[in-house]
N, C-alpha and C. Protein backbone atom coordinates (compact mmCIF):
# COMPACT_ATOMS: atom_id res chain seq x y z
N MET A 1 -58.90 -128.83 -48.46
CA MET A 1 -58.08 -128.55 -47.48
C MET A 1 -57.49 -128.89 -46.91
N THR A 2 -55.97 -129.07 -47.01
CA THR A 2 -55.43 -129.12 -45.51
C THR A 2 -54.75 -128.76 -44.77
N ILE A 3 -54.60 -128.83 -43.32
CA ILE A 3 -54.74 -128.37 -42.58
C ILE A 3 -52.66 -128.42 -42.03
N ALA A 4 -52.50 -127.43 -42.31
CA ALA A 4 -51.27 -127.92 -41.67
C ALA A 4 -50.24 -127.79 -40.74
N ARG A 5 -49.49 -128.31 -40.38
CA ARG A 5 -48.45 -129.58 -39.36
C ARG A 5 -47.96 -128.41 -38.66
N THR A 6 -47.35 -127.88 -37.37
CA THR A 6 -45.93 -128.06 -36.85
C THR A 6 -44.90 -129.16 -37.38
N GLU A 7 -43.83 -128.68 -37.45
CA GLU A 7 -42.48 -129.76 -37.45
C GLU A 7 -42.70 -130.95 -35.77
N ASP A 8 -44.09 -130.59 -35.14
CA ASP A 8 -43.77 -130.99 -34.14
C ASP A 8 -44.76 -131.50 -34.26
N GLY A 9 -45.46 -131.44 -35.89
CA GLY A 9 -47.22 -131.95 -35.89
C GLY A 9 -48.32 -131.96 -34.92
N TYR A 10 -48.27 -130.93 -34.70
CA TYR A 10 -49.94 -129.55 -33.93
C TYR A 10 -50.22 -129.39 -34.97
N PRO A 11 -51.27 -129.22 -35.42
CA PRO A 11 -52.51 -128.05 -35.97
C PRO A 11 -52.20 -126.38 -36.01
N ARG A 12 -52.03 -126.21 -37.35
CA ARG A 12 -51.88 -124.60 -37.04
C ARG A 12 -52.11 -124.79 -38.18
N PHE A 13 -53.16 -123.32 -37.81
CA PHE A 13 -53.76 -122.48 -39.01
C PHE A 13 -52.87 -122.09 -39.56
N SER A 14 -53.01 -121.12 -41.20
CA SER A 14 -52.35 -120.97 -41.79
C SER A 14 -51.73 -119.44 -41.46
N ASP A 15 -51.00 -119.57 -42.19
CA ASP A 15 -50.57 -117.63 -41.96
C ASP A 15 -51.26 -116.56 -42.28
N ALA A 16 -51.75 -116.96 -43.77
CA ALA A 16 -52.60 -115.71 -44.07
C ALA A 16 -54.04 -116.33 -42.70
N GLU A 17 -54.43 -117.59 -42.79
CA GLU A 17 -55.76 -116.81 -41.35
C GLU A 17 -55.14 -115.79 -40.13
N ILE A 18 -53.46 -116.26 -40.11
CA ILE A 18 -53.77 -115.57 -38.56
C ILE A 18 -52.72 -114.12 -39.07
N ALA A 19 -53.30 -113.85 -39.98
CA ALA A 19 -53.05 -112.70 -41.57
C ALA A 19 -54.14 -111.63 -41.29
N ARG A 20 -55.26 -112.53 -40.89
CA ARG A 20 -56.51 -111.78 -41.10
C ARG A 20 -57.41 -112.18 -40.08
N ARG A 21 -56.76 -112.40 -38.98
CA ARG A 21 -57.19 -112.01 -37.28
C ARG A 21 -56.31 -110.95 -37.13
N ARG A 22 -55.19 -111.02 -37.13
CA ARG A 22 -54.34 -110.54 -36.61
C ARG A 22 -54.69 -108.31 -37.42
N ALA A 23 -54.95 -108.61 -38.72
CA ALA A 23 -55.63 -107.26 -39.30
C ALA A 23 -56.60 -106.86 -38.55
N ALA A 24 -57.88 -107.73 -38.90
CA ALA A 24 -59.75 -107.79 -38.19
C ALA A 24 -59.08 -107.39 -36.15
N ILE A 25 -58.32 -108.22 -35.59
CA ILE A 25 -57.93 -107.23 -34.18
C ILE A 25 -57.47 -105.43 -34.37
N GLU A 26 -56.90 -105.49 -35.32
CA GLU A 26 -56.08 -104.36 -35.34
C GLU A 26 -57.07 -102.70 -35.65
N ASP A 27 -58.57 -103.29 -36.60
CA ASP A 27 -59.21 -103.36 -37.13
C ASP A 27 -59.94 -102.61 -35.80
N VAL A 28 -59.81 -103.12 -35.12
CA VAL A 28 -60.97 -102.85 -33.87
C VAL A 28 -60.33 -102.24 -33.09
N MET A 29 -58.73 -102.55 -32.53
CA MET A 29 -58.09 -101.24 -31.81
C MET A 29 -58.48 -100.22 -32.55
N ALA A 30 -58.27 -100.37 -33.80
CA ALA A 30 -58.33 -98.82 -34.77
C ALA A 30 -60.07 -98.07 -34.18
N GLU A 31 -60.99 -98.88 -34.19
CA GLU A 31 -62.21 -98.55 -34.16
C GLU A 31 -62.81 -98.08 -32.39
N HIS A 32 -61.91 -98.21 -31.85
CA HIS A 32 -62.10 -97.95 -30.34
C HIS A 32 -61.06 -96.85 -30.32
N GLY A 33 -59.59 -96.36 -30.67
CA GLY A 33 -59.05 -95.52 -29.70
C GLY A 33 -57.56 -96.75 -29.39
N ALA A 34 -57.25 -97.21 -29.23
CA ALA A 34 -56.91 -98.30 -28.64
C ALA A 34 -55.46 -98.12 -29.53
N SER A 35 -54.44 -98.32 -28.77
CA SER A 35 -53.26 -97.96 -29.85
C SER A 35 -52.12 -99.69 -29.17
N HIS A 36 -52.79 -100.22 -28.29
CA HIS A 36 -51.99 -101.77 -27.61
C HIS A 36 -53.09 -101.87 -27.04
N LEU A 37 -53.06 -103.55 -26.64
CA LEU A 37 -54.38 -104.25 -26.80
C LEU A 37 -53.62 -106.14 -26.12
N VAL A 38 -53.95 -105.93 -24.60
CA VAL A 38 -53.80 -107.42 -24.03
C VAL A 38 -55.16 -107.91 -24.36
N LEU A 39 -54.82 -108.92 -24.36
CA LEU A 39 -55.60 -110.02 -24.70
C LEU A 39 -55.57 -111.64 -23.47
N TYR A 40 -56.08 -111.36 -22.73
CA TYR A 40 -55.45 -112.30 -21.08
C TYR A 40 -56.46 -113.40 -21.24
N GLY A 41 -55.58 -114.39 -20.32
CA GLY A 41 -56.61 -115.99 -20.29
C GLY A 41 -56.08 -116.18 -19.19
N ALA A 42 -57.06 -117.59 -18.26
CA ALA A 42 -56.48 -118.28 -17.91
C ALA A 42 -57.06 -119.08 -17.06
N ASN A 43 -56.79 -120.75 -17.22
CA ASN A 43 -57.38 -121.60 -16.56
C ASN A 43 -58.44 -121.67 -17.56
N ARG A 44 -58.12 -121.71 -18.94
CA ARG A 44 -59.37 -122.58 -20.10
C ARG A 44 -59.38 -121.62 -20.27
N PHE A 45 -59.88 -120.19 -19.94
CA PHE A 45 -60.33 -119.28 -20.48
C PHE A 45 -59.90 -117.74 -21.00
N GLY A 46 -60.68 -117.46 -22.15
CA GLY A 46 -60.26 -116.08 -22.36
C GLY A 46 -59.57 -117.07 -23.56
N SER A 47 -60.65 -117.12 -25.24
CA SER A 47 -59.95 -117.89 -25.80
C SER A 47 -59.43 -116.79 -27.03
N ALA A 48 -59.57 -115.96 -26.37
CA ALA A 48 -58.44 -115.22 -27.88
C ALA A 48 -57.13 -114.55 -28.11
N VAL A 49 -57.07 -115.63 -27.14
CA VAL A 49 -55.48 -115.76 -26.54
C VAL A 49 -55.04 -116.92 -28.03
N GLN A 50 -56.33 -117.82 -27.98
CA GLN A 50 -55.50 -119.01 -28.45
C GLN A 50 -56.08 -118.90 -30.05
N TRP A 51 -57.12 -117.53 -30.28
CA TRP A 51 -57.37 -117.60 -31.56
C TRP A 51 -56.78 -116.26 -32.71
N LEU A 52 -55.54 -115.88 -31.55
CA LEU A 52 -55.00 -114.92 -32.86
C LEU A 52 -53.67 -115.49 -31.95
N THR A 53 -52.80 -116.86 -30.96
CA THR A 53 -51.53 -117.32 -31.67
C THR A 53 -51.43 -118.37 -31.74
N SER A 54 -52.62 -119.54 -30.73
CA SER A 54 -52.66 -120.75 -30.96
C SER A 54 -51.96 -121.69 -29.60
N TRP A 55 -51.14 -120.75 -28.57
CA TRP A 55 -52.05 -121.42 -27.63
C TRP A 55 -53.01 -121.37 -26.76
N PRO A 56 -52.79 -122.51 -26.69
CA PRO A 56 -54.67 -122.91 -25.79
C PRO A 56 -54.00 -122.45 -23.99
N VAL A 57 -54.96 -120.92 -23.74
CA VAL A 57 -54.29 -120.92 -21.94
C VAL A 57 -54.55 -122.08 -21.90
N THR A 58 -54.01 -122.10 -20.76
CA THR A 58 -53.63 -123.32 -19.80
C THR A 58 -53.72 -122.55 -18.12
N ARG A 59 -53.00 -122.10 -17.66
CA ARG A 59 -52.83 -120.98 -16.22
C ARG A 59 -52.59 -120.72 -16.16
N GLU A 60 -52.69 -119.25 -17.60
CA GLU A 60 -52.98 -117.71 -17.28
C GLU A 60 -52.12 -117.20 -18.26
N ALA A 61 -52.29 -116.20 -19.21
CA ALA A 61 -51.72 -116.11 -20.78
C ALA A 61 -52.22 -114.98 -20.90
N ALA A 62 -51.16 -114.10 -21.56
CA ALA A 62 -51.48 -112.65 -21.83
C ALA A 62 -50.46 -112.23 -23.60
N VAL A 63 -51.42 -111.47 -24.21
CA VAL A 63 -50.52 -111.20 -24.85
C VAL A 63 -51.25 -109.53 -25.64
N LEU A 64 -49.56 -109.49 -26.13
CA LEU A 64 -49.83 -108.02 -25.83
C LEU A 64 -49.25 -107.90 -27.51
N VAL A 65 -50.19 -106.95 -27.73
CA VAL A 65 -50.95 -106.06 -29.24
C VAL A 65 -50.55 -105.24 -29.33
N THR A 66 -49.60 -104.91 -30.60
CA THR A 66 -49.45 -103.26 -30.61
C THR A 66 -48.80 -103.80 -32.54
N PRO A 67 -49.63 -102.33 -32.50
CA PRO A 67 -49.63 -102.26 -34.73
C PRO A 67 -47.86 -102.04 -34.38
N GLY A 68 -47.23 -103.07 -36.00
CA GLY A 68 -46.32 -102.64 -36.05
C GLY A 68 -45.13 -103.57 -35.45
N GLU A 69 -45.75 -103.94 -34.50
CA GLU A 69 -44.46 -104.65 -33.60
C GLU A 69 -44.86 -106.23 -34.17
N ARG A 70 -43.98 -107.19 -33.07
CA ARG A 70 -44.31 -108.52 -32.60
C ARG A 70 -45.44 -108.22 -31.07
N ASP A 71 -45.88 -109.03 -31.92
CA ASP A 71 -46.58 -109.21 -29.59
C ASP A 71 -46.01 -109.77 -29.32
N VAL A 72 -45.80 -110.00 -28.19
CA VAL A 72 -45.95 -110.58 -27.26
C VAL A 72 -46.34 -112.03 -26.18
N LEU A 73 -46.20 -112.82 -26.36
CA LEU A 73 -46.76 -114.26 -25.57
C LEU A 73 -46.14 -114.18 -24.02
N LEU A 74 -46.88 -113.89 -22.92
CA LEU A 74 -46.59 -113.81 -21.84
C LEU A 74 -47.68 -115.50 -21.10
N VAL A 75 -46.31 -116.35 -20.64
CA VAL A 75 -47.58 -117.90 -20.10
C VAL A 75 -47.04 -118.11 -19.09
N GLN A 76 -47.85 -118.33 -17.88
CA GLN A 76 -47.66 -119.35 -16.79
C GLN A 76 -47.93 -120.29 -17.05
N PHE A 77 -46.29 -121.27 -16.59
CA PHE A 77 -45.61 -121.10 -15.41
C PHE A 77 -43.81 -121.15 -16.54
N HIS A 78 -43.23 -120.98 -16.03
CA HIS A 78 -41.95 -121.50 -17.33
C HIS A 78 -41.63 -123.14 -17.74
N ASN A 79 -42.67 -123.75 -17.49
CA ASN A 79 -42.54 -125.21 -18.45
C ASN A 79 -43.14 -125.32 -19.21
N HIS A 80 -43.83 -124.07 -19.34
CA HIS A 80 -44.86 -123.89 -20.55
C HIS A 80 -44.41 -123.38 -21.60
N VAL A 81 -43.66 -122.73 -21.47
CA VAL A 81 -42.89 -121.58 -22.19
C VAL A 81 -42.22 -122.89 -23.64
N PRO A 82 -41.28 -124.01 -23.74
CA PRO A 82 -40.90 -124.32 -24.16
C PRO A 82 -41.94 -125.08 -25.36
N ASN A 83 -43.52 -125.31 -24.93
CA ASN A 83 -45.02 -126.18 -25.30
C ASN A 83 -45.38 -124.78 -25.59
N ALA A 84 -45.57 -123.32 -25.73
CA ALA A 84 -45.64 -122.40 -26.13
C ALA A 84 -45.12 -121.61 -27.66
N ARG A 85 -43.67 -122.18 -27.18
CA ARG A 85 -43.21 -121.98 -28.53
C ARG A 85 -42.99 -123.71 -29.68
N ARG A 86 -43.62 -124.05 -29.25
CA ARG A 86 -43.92 -125.51 -29.82
C ARG A 86 -45.53 -124.82 -30.61
N LEU A 87 -46.00 -124.16 -29.84
CA LEU A 87 -47.82 -124.11 -30.33
C LEU A 87 -47.73 -122.53 -31.08
N ALA A 88 -46.77 -121.47 -30.69
CA ALA A 88 -48.04 -120.10 -30.54
C ALA A 88 -46.99 -120.08 -32.11
N CYS A 89 -48.36 -118.63 -32.70
CA CYS A 89 -48.10 -118.51 -34.12
C CYS A 89 -46.76 -117.85 -34.21
N ASP A 90 -45.99 -116.49 -34.78
CA ASP A 90 -45.41 -115.57 -35.25
C ASP A 90 -45.55 -114.86 -33.70
N ALA A 91 -44.37 -114.84 -32.55
CA ALA A 91 -44.53 -114.42 -30.80
C ALA A 91 -43.53 -114.72 -30.22
N ASP A 92 -43.26 -113.29 -29.57
CA ASP A 92 -42.35 -113.53 -29.03
C ASP A 92 -42.79 -114.56 -27.39
N ILE A 93 -42.20 -115.34 -27.24
CA ILE A 93 -42.49 -115.93 -25.66
C ILE A 93 -42.00 -115.38 -24.65
N ARG A 94 -42.50 -115.37 -24.38
CA ARG A 94 -41.27 -115.31 -22.59
C ARG A 94 -42.54 -115.88 -20.85
N TRP A 95 -42.08 -116.06 -19.81
CA TRP A 95 -42.48 -116.48 -18.64
C TRP A 95 -43.01 -114.51 -18.60
N GLY A 96 -44.65 -114.99 -18.02
CA GLY A 96 -44.99 -113.99 -17.10
C GLY A 96 -44.48 -113.14 -15.91
N GLY A 97 -43.59 -114.35 -15.48
CA GLY A 97 -42.94 -113.35 -13.86
C GLY A 97 -44.09 -113.38 -12.90
N PRO A 98 -43.71 -112.91 -12.22
CA PRO A 98 -44.77 -113.42 -10.79
C PRO A 98 -46.27 -113.19 -10.62
N SER A 99 -46.31 -111.83 -11.85
CA SER A 99 -48.07 -111.51 -12.19
C SER A 99 -47.62 -111.22 -13.29
N THR A 100 -48.18 -111.57 -14.77
CA THR A 100 -48.41 -111.65 -15.84
C THR A 100 -49.27 -109.98 -16.44
N ILE A 101 -49.97 -109.77 -15.32
CA ILE A 101 -50.35 -108.28 -15.92
C ILE A 101 -48.86 -107.23 -14.90
N ALA A 102 -48.02 -107.76 -14.23
CA ALA A 102 -47.18 -106.93 -13.70
C ALA A 102 -45.81 -106.78 -15.22
N THR A 103 -45.92 -107.54 -15.69
CA THR A 103 -45.05 -107.91 -16.82
C THR A 103 -45.57 -108.01 -17.90
N ALA A 104 -46.33 -107.25 -17.98
CA ALA A 104 -47.63 -106.85 -19.01
C ALA A 104 -47.12 -105.15 -19.12
N VAL A 105 -47.75 -104.55 -17.70
CA VAL A 105 -47.56 -103.20 -17.95
C VAL A 105 -46.44 -102.83 -18.54
N GLU A 106 -45.28 -103.51 -17.91
CA GLU A 106 -43.60 -102.99 -17.74
C GLU A 106 -43.44 -103.64 -19.23
N ILE A 107 -44.42 -104.30 -20.09
CA ILE A 107 -43.43 -104.16 -21.22
C ILE A 107 -44.15 -103.33 -22.06
N LEU A 108 -45.19 -102.83 -22.31
CA LEU A 108 -45.83 -101.80 -22.46
C LEU A 108 -45.50 -100.26 -21.78
N GLU A 109 -45.18 -100.17 -20.43
CA GLU A 109 -44.04 -99.01 -20.24
C GLU A 109 -43.03 -98.96 -21.67
N GLY A 110 -42.36 -99.99 -21.69
CA GLY A 110 -41.44 -100.49 -22.96
C GLY A 110 -41.56 -99.10 -24.09
N ARG A 111 -42.53 -99.98 -24.65
CA ARG A 111 -43.15 -99.17 -25.88
C ARG A 111 -44.00 -97.87 -25.76
N ARG A 112 -44.12 -97.65 -24.76
CA ARG A 112 -44.25 -95.90 -24.92
C ARG A 112 -45.77 -96.17 -24.12
N ALA A 113 -46.72 -96.53 -23.43
CA ALA A 113 -47.56 -96.66 -24.38
C ALA A 113 -48.84 -96.04 -23.48
N LEU A 114 -47.34 -95.17 -22.05
CA LEU A 114 -48.31 -93.99 -21.10
C LEU A 114 -49.23 -93.30 -21.17
N ASP A 115 -49.08 -92.43 -22.15
CA ASP A 115 -50.71 -92.06 -22.37
C ASP A 115 -50.34 -91.75 -23.74
N THR A 116 -51.44 -93.40 -23.95
CA THR A 116 -51.94 -93.97 -24.96
C THR A 116 -53.27 -94.63 -24.42
N THR A 117 -54.07 -95.01 -25.14
CA THR A 117 -55.08 -95.99 -24.44
C THR A 117 -54.89 -98.08 -24.99
N ILE A 118 -54.93 -98.48 -23.92
CA ILE A 118 -55.00 -99.68 -24.07
C ILE A 118 -56.21 -100.23 -23.85
N GLY A 119 -56.34 -101.53 -25.16
CA GLY A 119 -57.59 -102.44 -24.97
C GLY A 119 -56.87 -103.29 -23.79
N PHE A 120 -58.55 -103.98 -23.64
CA PHE A 120 -58.13 -105.27 -23.02
C PHE A 120 -59.76 -106.24 -23.84
N ALA A 121 -59.62 -107.79 -22.73
CA ALA A 121 -60.04 -108.36 -23.84
C ALA A 121 -59.91 -109.85 -22.66
N GLY A 122 -60.81 -109.93 -21.81
CA GLY A 122 -60.71 -111.64 -21.29
C GLY A 122 -60.92 -111.15 -19.73
N PRO A 123 -60.95 -112.80 -19.47
CA PRO A 123 -61.42 -112.50 -17.83
C PRO A 123 -60.45 -111.92 -16.88
N LEU A 124 -60.10 -110.66 -17.24
CA LEU A 124 -59.65 -110.45 -15.91
C LEU A 124 -60.26 -110.30 -14.70
N MET A 125 -58.96 -110.20 -13.67
CA MET A 125 -59.76 -109.79 -12.51
C MET A 125 -59.68 -109.01 -12.01
N ALA A 126 -60.54 -108.06 -10.99
CA ALA A 126 -60.70 -106.01 -10.50
C ALA A 126 -59.46 -106.09 -10.64
N SER A 127 -58.44 -106.47 -9.78
CA SER A 127 -57.14 -106.11 -9.60
C SER A 127 -56.70 -106.00 -10.69
N GLN A 128 -56.34 -106.68 -11.49
CA GLN A 128 -55.97 -106.82 -13.31
C GLN A 128 -56.62 -105.79 -13.92
N ARG A 129 -57.11 -105.42 -13.85
CA ARG A 129 -57.88 -104.12 -14.89
C ARG A 129 -57.77 -103.00 -14.14
N ASP A 130 -57.67 -103.11 -13.33
CA ASP A 130 -56.68 -101.96 -11.74
C ASP A 130 -55.46 -101.57 -11.84
N ALA A 131 -54.28 -102.45 -12.13
CA ALA A 131 -53.28 -102.24 -12.47
C ALA A 131 -53.26 -101.94 -13.93
N LEU A 132 -53.74 -102.05 -15.02
CA LEU A 132 -53.85 -101.51 -16.14
C LEU A 132 -54.54 -99.89 -15.40
N ALA A 133 -55.56 -99.82 -15.59
CA ALA A 133 -56.05 -98.48 -15.21
C ALA A 133 -55.36 -97.76 -14.87
N SER A 134 -54.55 -97.91 -13.75
CA SER A 134 -53.79 -97.07 -12.53
C SER A 134 -52.61 -96.62 -13.77
N SER A 135 -52.25 -97.22 -14.56
CA SER A 135 -51.08 -97.54 -15.40
C SER A 135 -51.16 -96.10 -16.70
N PHE A 136 -52.30 -96.69 -17.13
CA PHE A 136 -52.03 -96.21 -18.23
C PHE A 136 -53.43 -95.05 -18.49
N ALA A 137 -53.75 -93.75 -19.35
CA ALA A 137 -53.78 -93.00 -19.52
C ALA A 137 -55.48 -93.83 -19.51
N ARG A 138 -55.88 -94.35 -20.15
CA ARG A 138 -57.10 -94.94 -20.30
C ARG A 138 -57.44 -96.67 -20.63
N VAL A 139 -58.16 -97.74 -20.64
CA VAL A 139 -57.81 -98.64 -20.60
C VAL A 139 -59.30 -98.42 -21.31
N VAL A 140 -60.17 -99.53 -21.33
CA VAL A 140 -61.14 -99.59 -22.48
C VAL A 140 -61.33 -101.19 -22.55
N ASP A 141 -62.86 -101.49 -22.14
CA ASP A 141 -63.06 -103.11 -22.48
C ASP A 141 -63.44 -103.40 -23.95
N LEU A 142 -62.58 -104.44 -24.97
CA LEU A 142 -62.44 -104.79 -26.03
C LEU A 142 -63.42 -106.20 -25.84
N GLY A 143 -63.75 -106.80 -24.52
CA GLY A 143 -64.69 -108.28 -24.87
C GLY A 143 -65.59 -108.24 -25.80
N GLY A 144 -66.28 -107.98 -26.28
CA GLY A 144 -67.21 -107.64 -27.10
C GLY A 144 -66.57 -108.00 -28.07
N PRO A 145 -66.65 -106.41 -28.72
CA PRO A 145 -66.28 -106.38 -30.24
C PRO A 145 -64.99 -107.82 -30.54
N VAL A 146 -63.96 -107.60 -30.02
CA VAL A 146 -62.85 -108.42 -29.54
C VAL A 146 -64.34 -110.45 -30.36
N THR A 147 -64.83 -110.81 -28.89
CA THR A 147 -65.63 -111.41 -29.13
C THR A 147 -66.14 -112.32 -30.38
N ASP A 148 -66.85 -110.72 -31.37
CA ASP A 148 -67.45 -110.67 -32.63
C ASP A 148 -67.00 -111.08 -33.73
N LEU A 149 -65.28 -110.58 -33.87
CA LEU A 149 -64.81 -111.01 -34.90
C LEU A 149 -64.44 -113.33 -34.35
N ARG A 150 -64.95 -113.34 -33.28
CA ARG A 150 -64.52 -114.55 -33.28
C ARG A 150 -66.11 -116.03 -34.04
N LEU A 151 -67.10 -114.73 -33.41
CA LEU A 151 -68.16 -115.33 -34.34
C LEU A 151 -68.02 -115.55 -35.72
N ILE A 152 -67.73 -114.82 -36.60
CA ILE A 152 -68.17 -115.43 -37.97
C ILE A 152 -66.45 -116.01 -38.61
N LYS A 153 -66.96 -116.70 -39.07
CA LYS A 153 -65.72 -117.56 -39.01
C LYS A 153 -65.52 -117.19 -41.21
N SER A 154 -64.76 -117.84 -40.95
CA SER A 154 -63.10 -117.84 -42.44
C SER A 154 -63.71 -119.84 -42.49
N ARG A 155 -64.13 -119.58 -44.32
CA ARG A 155 -63.16 -121.11 -44.64
C ARG A 155 -62.16 -121.95 -43.74
N GLU A 156 -61.07 -121.18 -43.50
CA GLU A 156 -60.82 -122.17 -42.79
C GLU A 156 -61.13 -122.98 -41.40
N GLU A 157 -61.50 -121.75 -40.92
CA GLU A 157 -62.42 -122.40 -39.37
C GLU A 157 -63.02 -123.01 -39.77
N LEU A 158 -63.79 -122.79 -40.65
CA LEU A 158 -64.79 -123.95 -41.15
C LEU A 158 -64.24 -124.86 -41.13
N GLU A 159 -63.29 -125.54 -42.12
CA GLU A 159 -62.79 -126.48 -42.45
C GLU A 159 -62.41 -127.20 -41.17
N TRP A 160 -61.73 -127.11 -39.77
CA TRP A 160 -60.96 -127.43 -39.46
C TRP A 160 -62.35 -128.04 -38.44
N ILE A 161 -63.28 -126.64 -38.43
CA ILE A 161 -65.10 -127.92 -37.19
C ILE A 161 -65.59 -128.76 -38.08
N ARG A 162 -65.19 -128.95 -39.67
CA ARG A 162 -65.31 -130.11 -40.35
C ARG A 162 -64.61 -131.31 -40.05
N VAL A 163 -63.57 -131.27 -39.72
CA VAL A 163 -62.59 -132.10 -38.92
C VAL A 163 -62.90 -132.08 -37.67
N SER A 164 -62.79 -131.36 -36.97
CA SER A 164 -62.88 -131.24 -35.11
C SER A 164 -64.52 -132.57 -35.01
N ALA A 165 -64.74 -132.26 -35.78
CA ALA A 165 -66.72 -132.99 -35.85
C ALA A 165 -66.91 -134.45 -36.20
N GLU A 166 -65.52 -134.32 -37.05
CA GLU A 166 -65.79 -136.25 -38.02
C GLU A 166 -64.89 -137.21 -37.05
N LEU A 167 -64.23 -136.12 -36.54
CA LEU A 167 -62.82 -137.20 -35.26
C LEU A 167 -63.96 -136.80 -34.23
N SER A 168 -64.72 -136.54 -33.86
CA SER A 168 -65.65 -136.47 -32.42
C SER A 168 -66.27 -138.11 -32.78
N ASP A 169 -67.09 -138.17 -34.14
CA ASP A 169 -67.65 -138.13 -34.56
C ASP A 169 -67.88 -139.90 -34.38
N ARG A 170 -66.21 -140.17 -35.15
CA ARG A 170 -64.93 -140.74 -34.96
C ARG A 170 -65.07 -142.14 -33.49
N SER A 171 -64.93 -141.06 -32.72
CA SER A 171 -64.31 -141.33 -31.48
C SER A 171 -65.75 -141.75 -30.65
N ILE A 172 -66.83 -141.79 -31.23
CA ILE A 172 -68.02 -141.87 -30.76
C ILE A 172 -67.95 -142.79 -30.99
N GLU A 173 -67.98 -143.64 -32.18
CA GLU A 173 -68.18 -144.90 -32.90
C GLU A 173 -67.27 -145.67 -32.47
């Protein structure tokens, strides 16, 4: 298997692999009654963001997932937006504004999410979780089920691990 690359040379999981992941996320959402999902990461924590979008969370990022709609990837800072557009898979890339969670709430309100269940996964601070909980009918922590998805590796993911291990071995040699 050859690992695909973007036109800028960045390695990229195949469209089929990303579609598999997206379907798995939507299955978890449905199982828990969530109409929308906020995947959150900050300071390199929150690898579900990268797992779904290929964006390695730097300062702060959130992905808004709504079945039937294009994902929205919110990143901090302004200067991260162009690189996120190079790296991230099919998503609407935007600056997260002064508060990424406040921007996420605004977008979800626009998606008519007020009376629905919002799922979240990632290292939210209490104030960020409270912002979600005060804005929507029900908020459910899907961190465990989302992590479980990432523990079972596809053939493509295993190939990436093999290549990564080979590169690590070469660097030691």
